[in-house]
C-alpha atoms as a PDB file:
ATOM      1  CA  MET A   1     201.781 297.645 149.993  1.00  0.00           C
ATOM      2  CA  PRO A   2     198.451 296.165 151.257  1.00  0.00           C
ATOM      3  CA  PRO A   3     196.416 297.043 153.599  1.00  0.00           C
ATOM      4  CA  LYS A   4     196.950 295.746 157.154  1.00  0.00           C
ATOM      5  CA  ASN A   5     192.937 293.796 157.447  1.00  0.00           C
ATOM      6  CA  LYS A   6     191.331 295.505 160.583  1.00  0.00           C
ATOM      7  CA  VAL A   7     190.305 292.034 161.230  1.00  0.00           C
ATOM      8  CA  GLU A   8     192.476 289.516 162.397  1.00  0.00           C
ATOM      9  CA  ARG A   9     192.369 285.418 161.848  1.00  0.00           C
ATOM     10  CA  GLU A  10     192.463 284.935 165.802  1.00  0.00           C
ATOM     11  CA  GLN A  11     189.055 287.382 165.597  1.00  0.00           C
ATOM     12  CA  ILE A  12     187.403 285.474 163.309  1.00  0.00           C
ATOM     13  CA  ILE A  13     188.079 282.133 165.107  1.00  0.00           C
ATOM     14  CA  ASP A  14     186.795 283.916 168.473  1.00  0.00           C
ATOM     15  CA  ALA A  15     183.913 284.941 167.242  1.00  0.00           C
ATOM     16  CA  ALA A  16     182.683 281.644 165.009  1.00  0.00           C
ATOM     17  CA  PHE A  17     184.027 280.097 168.523  1.00  0.00           C
ATOM     18  CA  GLU A  18     182.290 281.751 171.009  1.00  0.00           C
ATOM     19  CA  MET A  19     179.215 281.608 168.153  1.00  0.00           C
ATOM     20  CA  MET A  20     179.217 278.304 167.986  1.00  0.00           C
ATOM     21  CA  ARG A  21     178.727 277.846 171.909  1.00  0.00           C
ATOM     22  CA  GLN A  22     175.842 279.601 171.840  1.00  0.00           C
ATOM     23  CA  GLU A  23     173.815 278.417 168.197  1.00  0.00           C
ATOM     24  CA  GLY A  24     175.588 275.389 166.771  1.00  0.00           C
ATOM     25  CA  PHE A  25     178.534 275.512 164.132  1.00  0.00           C
ATOM     26  CA  GLU A  26     176.265 274.601 161.113  1.00  0.00           C
ATOM     27  CA  SER A  27     174.587 277.778 162.208  1.00  0.00           C
ATOM     28  CA  ILE A  28     177.363 279.999 160.828  1.00  0.00           C
ATOM     29  CA  THR A  29     177.051 282.420 157.658  1.00  0.00           C
ATOM     30  CA  THR A  30     179.627 284.717 156.899  1.00  0.00           C
ATOM     31  CA  ARG A  31     177.346 287.165 156.798  1.00  0.00           C
ATOM     32  CA  LYS A  32     176.792 286.441 160.411  1.00  0.00           C
ATOM     33  CA  LEU A  33     180.348 286.458 161.298  1.00  0.00           C
ATOM     34  CA  ALA A  34     180.679 289.655 159.904  1.00  0.00           C
ATOM     35  CA  THR A  35     178.280 290.868 161.747  1.00  0.00           C
ATOM     36  CA  LYS A  36     179.265 289.691 165.178  1.00  0.00           C
ATOM     37  CA  LEU A  37     182.699 291.012 164.084  1.00  0.00           C
ATOM     38  CA  GLU A  38     181.056 294.709 162.668  1.00  0.00           C
ATOM     39  CA  CYS A  39     183.426 294.362 159.482  1.00  0.00           C
ATOM     40  CA  SER A  40     182.156 293.511 155.622  1.00  0.00           C
ATOM     41  CA  THR A  41     182.864 289.453 154.673  1.00  0.00           C
ATOM     42  CA  GLN A  42     185.927 290.588 152.581  1.00  0.00           C
ATOM     43  CA  PRO A  43     188.202 289.846 155.965  1.00  0.00           C
ATOM     44  CA  ILE A  44     186.591 286.580 156.210  1.00  0.00           C
ATOM     45  CA  TYR A  45     187.068 285.011 153.296  1.00  0.00           C
ATOM     46  CA  TYR A  46     190.789 286.343 152.567  1.00  0.00           C
ATOM     47  CA  ILE A  47     191.974 284.595 155.030  1.00  0.00           C
ATOM     48  CA  PHE A  48     190.034 281.523 155.370  1.00  0.00           C
ATOM     49  CA  LYS A  49     189.172 279.814 152.063  1.00  0.00           C
ATOM     50  CA  ASN A  50     185.839 278.507 152.955  1.00  0.00           C
ATOM     51  CA  MET A  51     183.769 277.577 155.994  1.00  0.00           C
ATOM     52  CA  ASP A  52     185.548 274.990 156.080  1.00  0.00           C
ATOM     53  CA  GLU A  53     188.941 275.886 156.944  1.00  0.00           C
ATOM     54  CA  LEU A  54     187.223 278.165 159.363  1.00  0.00           C
ATOM     55  CA  ARG A  55     185.698 274.919 160.852  1.00  0.00           C
ATOM     56  CA  LYS A  56     189.204 273.039 161.042  1.00  0.00           C
ATOM     57  CA  GLU A  57     189.770 276.489 162.814  1.00  0.00           C
ATOM     58  CA  VAL A  58     187.755 276.048 165.895  1.00  0.00           C
ATOM     59  CA  TYR A  59     187.619 272.781 165.892  1.00  0.00           C
ATOM     60  CA  VAL A  60     191.132 272.751 167.247  1.00  0.00           C
ATOM     61  CA  LYS A  61     189.923 275.129 169.537  1.00  0.00           C
ATOM     62  CA  ALA A  62     187.111 274.122 170.401  1.00  0.00           C
ATOM     63  CA  ARG A  63     188.941 270.757 171.751  1.00  0.00           C
ATOM     64  CA  ALA A  64     191.780 272.668 173.460  1.00  0.00           C
ATOM     65  CA  PHE A  65     188.913 274.599 175.698  1.00  0.00           C
ATOM     66  CA  PHE A  66     186.762 271.550 176.167  1.00  0.00           C
ATOM     67  CA  THR A  67     189.825 269.605 177.229  1.00  0.00           C
ATOM     68  CA  GLU A  68     191.049 272.067 179.411  1.00  0.00           C
ATOM     69  CA  GLU A  69     187.582 272.369 180.807  1.00  0.00           C
ATOM     70  CA  VAL A  70     187.411 268.620 182.129  1.00  0.00           C
ATOM     71  CA  ARG A  71     190.723 269.040 183.450  1.00  0.00           C
ATOM     72  CA  LYS A  72     190.099 271.800 185.384  1.00  0.00           C
ATOM     73  CA  SER A  73     186.381 270.597 187.215  1.00  0.00           C
ATOM     74  CA  LYS A  74     187.702 267.077 188.143  1.00  0.00           C
ATOM     75  CA  ASN A  75     187.941 265.992 191.627  1.00  0.00           C
ATOM     76  CA  THR A  76     191.141 264.897 192.020  1.00  0.00           C
ATOM     77  CA  LYS A  77     190.463 263.174 194.762  1.00  0.00           C
ATOM     78  CA  ASP A  78     188.720 260.411 192.766  1.00  0.00           C
ATOM     79  CA  PRO A  79     190.126 257.477 190.835  1.00  0.00           C
ATOM     80  CA  GLU A  80     190.908 259.132 187.579  1.00  0.00           C
ATOM     81  CA  PHE A  81     188.062 257.162 185.375  1.00  0.00           C
ATOM     82  CA  LEU A  82     185.348 258.191 187.686  1.00  0.00           C
ATOM     83  CA  ALA A  83     186.813 261.859 188.014  1.00  0.00           C
ATOM     84  CA  ALA A  84     187.755 262.581 184.443  1.00  0.00           C
ATOM     85  CA  GLY A  85     184.001 260.581 183.565  1.00  0.00           C
ATOM     86  CA  VAL A  86     182.269 262.714 185.775  1.00  0.00           C
ATOM     87  CA  ALA A  87     183.463 265.555 184.437  1.00  0.00           C
ATOM     88  CA  TYR A  88     183.057 264.912 181.279  1.00  0.00           C
ATOM     89  CA  ILE A  89     179.641 264.223 181.141  1.00  0.00           C
ATOM     90  CA  MET A  90     178.768 267.267 183.319  1.00  0.00           C
ATOM     91  CA  LYS A  91     180.463 269.470 180.475  1.00  0.00           C
ATOM     92  CA  ALA A  92     179.023 267.788 178.318  1.00  0.00           C
ATOM     93  CA  LYS A  93     175.421 268.996 179.485  1.00  0.00           C
ATOM     94  CA  GLU A  94     176.680 272.097 180.597  1.00  0.00           C
ATOM     95  CA  GLU A  95     177.925 273.135 177.035  1.00  0.00           C
ATOM     96  CA  SER A  96     176.210 270.936 174.678  1.00  0.00           C
ATOM     97  CA  GLN A  97     176.481 272.474 171.605  1.00  0.00           C
ATOM     98  CA  LEU A  98     180.183 272.875 172.342  1.00  0.00           C
ATOM     99  CA  PHE A  99     180.524 268.763 173.027  1.00  0.00           C
ATOM    100  CA  ARG A 100     178.246 267.862 170.002  1.00  0.00           C
ATOM    101  CA  PHE A 101     180.071 269.601 168.050  1.00  0.00           C
ATOM    102  CA  ILE A 102     183.846 268.236 169.196  1.00  0.00           C
ATOM    103  CA  THR A 103     182.340 264.457 169.440  1.00  0.00           C
ATOM    104  CA  MET A 104     179.369 264.091 167.166  1.00  0.00           C
ATOM    105  CA  GLY A 105     180.832 265.662 163.713  1.00  0.00           C
ATOM    106  CA  ASN A 106     182.829 264.219 161.005  1.00  0.00           C
ATOM    107  CA  ASN A 107     185.826 266.200 162.513  1.00  0.00           C
ATOM    108  CA  TYR A 108     188.692 263.533 162.297  1.00  0.00           C
ATOM    109  CA  SER A 109     188.709 259.607 160.966  1.00  0.00           C
ATOM    110  CA  LEU A 110     190.114 256.705 162.664  1.00  0.00           C
ATOM    111  CA  ASP A 111     190.941 253.243 161.240  1.00  0.00           C
ATOM    112  CA  GLY A 112     189.055 251.842 164.326  1.00  0.00           C
ATOM    113  CA  ILE A 113     187.642 252.577 167.468  1.00  0.00           C
ATOM    114  CA  GLU A 114     190.548 251.270 169.198  1.00  0.00           C
ATOM    115  CA  ASP A 115     192.906 254.514 167.507  1.00  0.00           C
ATOM    116  CA  LEU A 116     191.233 256.445 170.509  1.00  0.00           C
ATOM    117  CA  MET A 117     192.774 254.581 172.987  1.00  0.00           C
ATOM    118  CA  LYS A 118     196.628 255.353 171.069  1.00  0.00           C
ATOM    119  CA  GLY A 119     199.132 257.364 173.067  1.00  0.00           C
ATOM    120  CA  THR A 120     197.769 255.984 176.661  1.00  0.00           C
ATOM    121  CA  HIS A 121     199.821 253.647 177.379  1.00  0.00           C
ATOM    122  CA  LEU A 122     198.586 251.760 180.092  1.00  0.00           C
ATOM    123  CA  PRO A 123     198.775 248.340 180.899  1.00  0.00           C
ATOM    124  CA  ASP A 124     195.937 245.934 179.047  1.00  0.00           C
ATOM    125  CA  LYS A 125     193.713 245.553 181.650  1.00  0.00           C
ATOM    126  CA  GLU A 126     193.640 249.416 182.872  1.00  0.00           C
ATOM    127  CA  ALA A 127     193.359 250.790 179.188  1.00  0.00           C
ATOM    128  CA  ASP A 128     190.401 248.323 178.383  1.00  0.00           C
ATOM    129  CA  LEU A 129     188.966 249.485 182.173  1.00  0.00           C
ATOM    130  CA  PHE A 130     189.649 252.571 180.625  1.00  0.00           C
ATOM    131  CA  PHE A 131     188.637 252.291 177.053  1.00  0.00           C
ATOM    132  CA  ASN A 132     185.228 251.126 178.538  1.00  0.00           C
ATOM    133  CA  MET A 133     184.825 253.507 180.878  1.00  0.00           C
ATOM    134  CA  TRP A 134     185.282 256.223 178.327  1.00  0.00           C
ATOM    135  CA  ILE A 135     182.611 254.315 175.733  1.00  0.00           C
ATOM    136  CA  TYR A 136     180.008 253.565 178.326  1.00  0.00           C
ATOM    137  CA  ALA A 137     180.907 257.796 180.031  1.00  0.00           C
ATOM    138  CA  HIS A 138     180.473 259.066 176.372  1.00  0.00           C
ATOM    139  CA  GLY A 139     177.548 257.723 175.712  1.00  0.00           C
ATOM    140  CA  ILE A 140     175.438 259.182 178.929  1.00  0.00           C
ATOM    141  CA  ALA A 141     177.280 262.628 177.794  1.00  0.00           C
ATOM    142  CA  ALA A 142     175.816 262.238 174.193  1.00  0.00           C
ATOM    143  CA  ILE A 143     172.590 261.361 175.956  1.00  0.00           C
ATOM    144  CA  VAL A 144     172.740 264.404 178.442  1.00  0.00           C
ATOM    145  CA  SER A 145     174.389 266.839 175.541  1.00  0.00           C
ATOM    146  CA  VAL A 146     171.371 266.484 172.812  1.00  0.00           C
ATOM    147  CA  ASN A 147     168.708 266.037 175.715  1.00  0.00           C
ATOM    148  CA  ASP A 148     166.896 267.957 178.386  1.00  0.00           C
ATOM    149  CA  VAL A 149     167.858 265.611 181.142  1.00  0.00           C
ATOM    150  CA  LYS A 150     167.886 266.412 185.352  1.00  0.00           C
ATOM    151  CA  VAL A 151     171.718 265.248 185.614  1.00  0.00           C
ATOM    152  CA  GLU A 152     172.986 265.259 189.409  1.00  0.00           C
ATOM    153  CA  GLU A 153     176.683 264.661 189.790  1.00  0.00           C
ATOM    154  CA  GLU A 154     176.420 262.155 192.797  1.00  0.00           C
ATOM    155  CA  ASN A 155     173.803 259.942 190.282  1.00  0.00           C
ATOM    156  CA  ILE A 156     176.506 260.274 187.935  1.00  0.00           C
ATOM    157  CA  ARG A 157     178.882 259.558 190.065  1.00  0.00           C
ATOM    158  CA  LYS A 158     176.995 256.113 191.553  1.00  0.00           C
ATOM    159  CA  ILE A 159     176.805 255.236 187.479  1.00  0.00           C
ATOM    160  CA  LEU A 160     179.576 254.805 186.638  1.00  0.00           C
ATOM    161  CA  LEU A 161     181.430 253.420 189.966  1.00  0.00           C
ATOM    162  CA  ARG A 162     178.804 250.511 189.474  1.00  0.00           C
ATOM    163  CA  ALA A 163     180.151 250.335 185.445  1.00  0.00           C
ATOM    164  CA  ALA A 164     183.727 250.147 186.376  1.00  0.00           C
ATOM    165  CA  LYS A 165     182.613 247.112 189.138  1.00  0.00           C
ATOM    166  CA  GLY A 166     180.765 245.321 186.718  1.00  0.00           C
ATOM    167  CA  PHE A 167     183.730 246.163 183.466  1.00  0.00           C
ATOM    168  CA  ASP A 168     185.883 245.503 186.665  1.00  0.00           C
ATOM    169  CA  ALA A 169     184.389 241.679 187.508  1.00  0.00           C
ATOM    170  CA  SER A 170     183.866 240.975 183.700  1.00  0.00           C
ATOM    171  CA  TYR A 171     188.129 240.191 184.150  1.00  0.00           C
ATOM    172  CA  GLU A 172     188.141 237.933 186.680  1.00  0.00           C
ATOM    173  CA  THR A 173     185.535 236.056 184.528  1.00  0.00           C
ATOM    174  CA  LYS A 174     188.712 235.740 181.939  1.00  0.00           C
END
């Protein structure tokens, strides 16, 4: 019977996740990860064939964590598009490495950008508004995650409300 690994799969994923939040995934090496875990590189290579396999596991954890953090920080008094948009942008600023890892890496494939809406089950106009607002909020989130931009929650709210009015008005002219 082989000896039990001193380092478990979840410990490796958790350590890589924390390192990614601080430095970005690209800066993680097996040696740095082993140092953080206070072990040799052998258990990491034994559990994960390569860094790409580990990256996929960290992505799953990162996406779930970010989604939950956005959900927890939403203002429940606001309409969903506004609450989600503001929380998404503010979390992107706060967790810039995490945001970039889950949204700006090639971690999944889409046949088209419309695939992002699969599973929302919203009426056409609401689905379009949600999609447009998400794309708009994502653009702002991307800017604040990679630049040293002063971000005030109230200003973000005003920007998103103006955008929503504009998107909504575009349906009245159709």
